[in-house]
């Protein structure tokens, strides 16, 4: 029996752009229910790419 990943078998996950959009929407709506913040605001925060990498130095 051949094992396929969920992203290869689920039709909603086959297209990476749509799959990411759906994950962001699901996470945003779940967070909005818990926090009371609008979904659009949370989606905007999730879609923002970090400008620079944070460097953490250990002592």
N, C-alpha and C. Protein backbone atom coordinates (compact mmCIF):
# COMPACT_ATOMS: atom_id res chain seq x y z
N UNK A 1 0.84 -1.18 0.00
CA UNK A 1 0.00 0.00 0.00
C UNK A 1 0.89 1.24 0.00
N UNK A 2 0.58 2.16 -0.88
CA UNK A 2 1.37 3.38 -1.01
C UNK A 2 0.84 4.43 -0.02
N UNK A 3 1.74 5.03 0.72
CA UNK A 3 1.35 6.07 1.67
C UNK A 3 1.51 7.44 1.02
N UNK A 4 0.43 8.18 0.96
CA UNK A 4 0.47 9.54 0.44
C UNK A 4 0.24 10.51 1.59
N UNK A 5 0.84 11.66 1.48
CA UNK A 5 0.62 12.67 2.50
C UNK A 5 -0.75 13.30 2.31
N UNK A 6 -1.24 13.92 3.35
CA UNK A 6 -2.55 14.55 3.30
C UNK A 6 -2.58 15.66 2.25
N UNK A 7 -1.48 16.37 2.09
CA UNK A 7 -1.44 17.45 1.10
C UNK A 7 -1.54 16.94 -0.33
N UNK A 8 -1.24 15.67 -0.55
CA UNK A 8 -1.36 15.10 -1.90
C UNK A 8 -2.72 14.46 -2.15
N UNK A 9 -3.42 14.07 -1.09
CA UNK A 9 -4.70 13.39 -1.27
C UNK A 9 -5.90 14.28 -1.07
N UNK A 10 -5.77 15.31 -0.25
CA UNK A 10 -6.89 16.20 0.02
C UNK A 10 -6.99 17.26 -1.07
N UNK A 11 -8.13 17.34 -1.77
CA UNK A 11 -8.24 18.30 -2.88
C UNK A 11 -8.15 19.76 -2.43
N UNK A 12 -8.46 20.04 -1.17
CA UNK A 12 -8.39 21.41 -0.68
C UNK A 12 -6.96 21.84 -0.35
N UNK A 13 -6.07 20.89 -0.28
CA UNK A 13 -4.68 21.19 0.06
C UNK A 13 -3.72 21.05 -1.12
N UNK A 14 -4.22 20.66 -2.27
CA UNK A 14 -3.34 20.43 -3.42
C UNK A 14 -2.73 21.70 -3.96
N UNK A 15 -3.46 22.80 -3.93
CA UNK A 15 -2.91 24.07 -4.41
C UNK A 15 -2.33 24.83 -3.22
N UNK A 16 -1.02 25.03 -3.18
CA UNK A 16 -0.37 25.62 -2.00
C UNK A 16 -0.90 27.00 -1.62
N UNK A 17 -1.21 27.85 -2.60
CA UNK A 17 -1.67 29.20 -2.28
C UNK A 17 -3.05 29.14 -1.61
N UNK A 18 -3.94 28.36 -2.17
CA UNK A 18 -5.28 28.23 -1.58
C UNK A 18 -5.21 27.53 -0.23
N UNK A 19 -4.33 26.55 -0.10
CA UNK A 19 -4.19 25.82 1.16
C UNK A 19 -3.72 26.76 2.26
N UNK A 20 -2.73 27.59 1.96
CA UNK A 20 -2.25 28.55 2.96
C UNK A 20 -3.34 29.54 3.32
N UNK A 21 -4.08 30.01 2.32
CA UNK A 21 -5.16 30.96 2.56
C UNK A 21 -6.22 30.34 3.49
N UNK A 22 -6.55 29.08 3.25
CA UNK A 22 -7.54 28.40 4.09
C UNK A 22 -7.03 28.19 5.51
N UNK A 23 -5.74 27.86 5.66
CA UNK A 23 -5.18 27.70 7.00
C UNK A 23 -5.18 29.02 7.76
N UNK A 24 -4.82 30.09 7.07
CA UNK A 24 -4.82 31.41 7.71
C UNK A 24 -6.23 31.79 8.12
N UNK A 25 -7.21 31.55 7.24
CA UNK A 25 -8.60 31.88 7.55
C UNK A 25 -9.10 31.07 8.74
N UNK A 26 -8.79 29.79 8.79
CA UNK A 26 -9.21 28.95 9.90
C UNK A 26 -8.60 29.38 11.22
N UNK A 27 -7.31 29.68 11.19
CA UNK A 27 -6.63 30.13 12.40
C UNK A 27 -7.17 31.48 12.85
N UNK A 28 -7.40 32.38 11.89
CA UNK A 28 -7.90 33.72 12.22
C UNK A 28 -9.31 33.65 12.80
N UNK A 29 -10.17 32.83 12.22
CA UNK A 29 -11.54 32.77 12.73
C UNK A 29 -11.58 32.13 14.11
N UNK A 30 -10.75 31.13 14.34
CA UNK A 30 -10.69 30.50 15.66
C UNK A 30 -10.17 31.48 16.71
N UNK A 31 -9.14 32.23 16.34
CA UNK A 31 -8.58 33.22 17.26
C UNK A 31 -9.57 34.35 17.51
N UNK A 32 -10.30 34.75 16.48
CA UNK A 32 -11.29 35.82 16.62
C UNK A 32 -12.39 35.43 17.60
N UNK A 33 -12.80 34.19 17.58
CA UNK A 33 -13.83 33.72 18.51
C UNK A 33 -13.32 33.84 19.94
N UNK A 34 -12.07 33.48 20.16
CA UNK A 34 -11.52 33.50 21.51
C UNK A 34 -11.17 34.89 21.99
N UNK A 35 -10.73 35.77 21.10
CA UNK A 35 -10.26 37.09 21.52
C UNK A 35 -11.25 38.21 21.29
N UNK A 36 -12.20 38.02 20.37
CA UNK A 36 -13.15 39.07 20.04
C UNK A 36 -12.61 40.07 19.02
N UNK A 37 -11.41 39.83 18.55
CA UNK A 37 -10.80 40.70 17.54
C UNK A 37 -11.35 40.33 16.16
N UNK A 38 -11.53 41.30 15.25
CA UNK A 38 -12.06 40.99 13.92
C UNK A 38 -11.14 40.04 13.13
N UNK A 39 -11.75 39.18 12.35
CA UNK A 39 -11.01 38.20 11.55
C UNK A 39 -10.04 38.88 10.59
N UNK A 40 -10.49 39.96 9.96
CA UNK A 40 -9.65 40.65 8.98
C UNK A 40 -8.35 41.17 9.61
N UNK A 41 -8.45 41.66 10.84
CA UNK A 41 -7.27 42.19 11.53
C UNK A 41 -6.28 41.06 11.82
N UNK A 42 -6.80 39.93 12.27
CA UNK A 42 -5.93 38.80 12.58
C UNK A 42 -5.30 38.25 11.30
N UNK A 43 -6.09 38.16 10.22
CA UNK A 43 -5.53 37.69 8.94
C UNK A 43 -4.41 38.60 8.47
N UNK A 44 -4.59 39.89 8.64
CA UNK A 44 -3.55 40.84 8.22
C UNK A 44 -2.27 40.62 9.02
N UNK A 45 -2.41 40.38 10.31
CA UNK A 45 -1.23 40.12 11.15
C UNK A 45 -0.53 38.84 10.72
N UNK A 46 -1.31 37.82 10.39
CA UNK A 46 -0.72 36.54 9.99
C UNK A 46 -0.07 36.61 8.61
N UNK A 47 -0.59 37.47 7.74
CA UNK A 47 -0.05 37.59 6.39
C UNK A 47 1.21 38.44 6.32
N UNK A 48 1.44 39.26 7.33
CA UNK A 48 2.63 40.10 7.35
C UNK A 48 3.88 39.25 7.44
N UNK A 49 4.81 39.53 6.60
CA UNK A 49 6.09 38.82 6.64
C UNK A 49 7.04 39.63 7.51
N UNK A 50 7.83 38.96 8.33
CA UNK A 50 8.80 39.70 9.12
C UNK A 50 9.83 40.39 8.21
N UNK A 51 10.14 41.63 8.53
CA UNK A 51 11.06 42.41 7.70
C UNK A 51 12.47 41.88 7.82
N UNK A 52 12.92 41.69 9.02
CA UNK A 52 14.27 41.19 9.24
C UNK A 52 14.26 40.05 10.22
N UNK A 53 15.31 39.33 10.25
CA UNK A 53 15.40 38.22 11.19
C UNK A 53 15.90 38.75 12.53
N UNK A 54 15.32 38.23 13.58
CA UNK A 54 15.78 38.59 14.91
C UNK A 54 16.93 37.67 15.28
N UNK A 55 17.95 38.26 15.80
CA UNK A 55 19.09 37.44 16.21
C UNK A 55 19.11 37.35 17.73
N UNK A 56 19.20 36.16 18.19
CA UNK A 56 19.27 35.93 19.62
C UNK A 56 20.66 35.41 19.92
N UNK A 57 21.31 36.07 20.85
CA UNK A 57 22.64 35.60 21.24
C UNK A 57 22.54 34.97 22.62
N UNK A 58 23.23 33.90 22.78
CA UNK A 58 23.25 33.22 24.06
C UNK A 58 24.45 33.69 24.86
N UNK A 59 24.27 33.77 26.15
CA UNK A 59 25.34 34.23 27.03
C UNK A 59 26.46 33.22 27.12
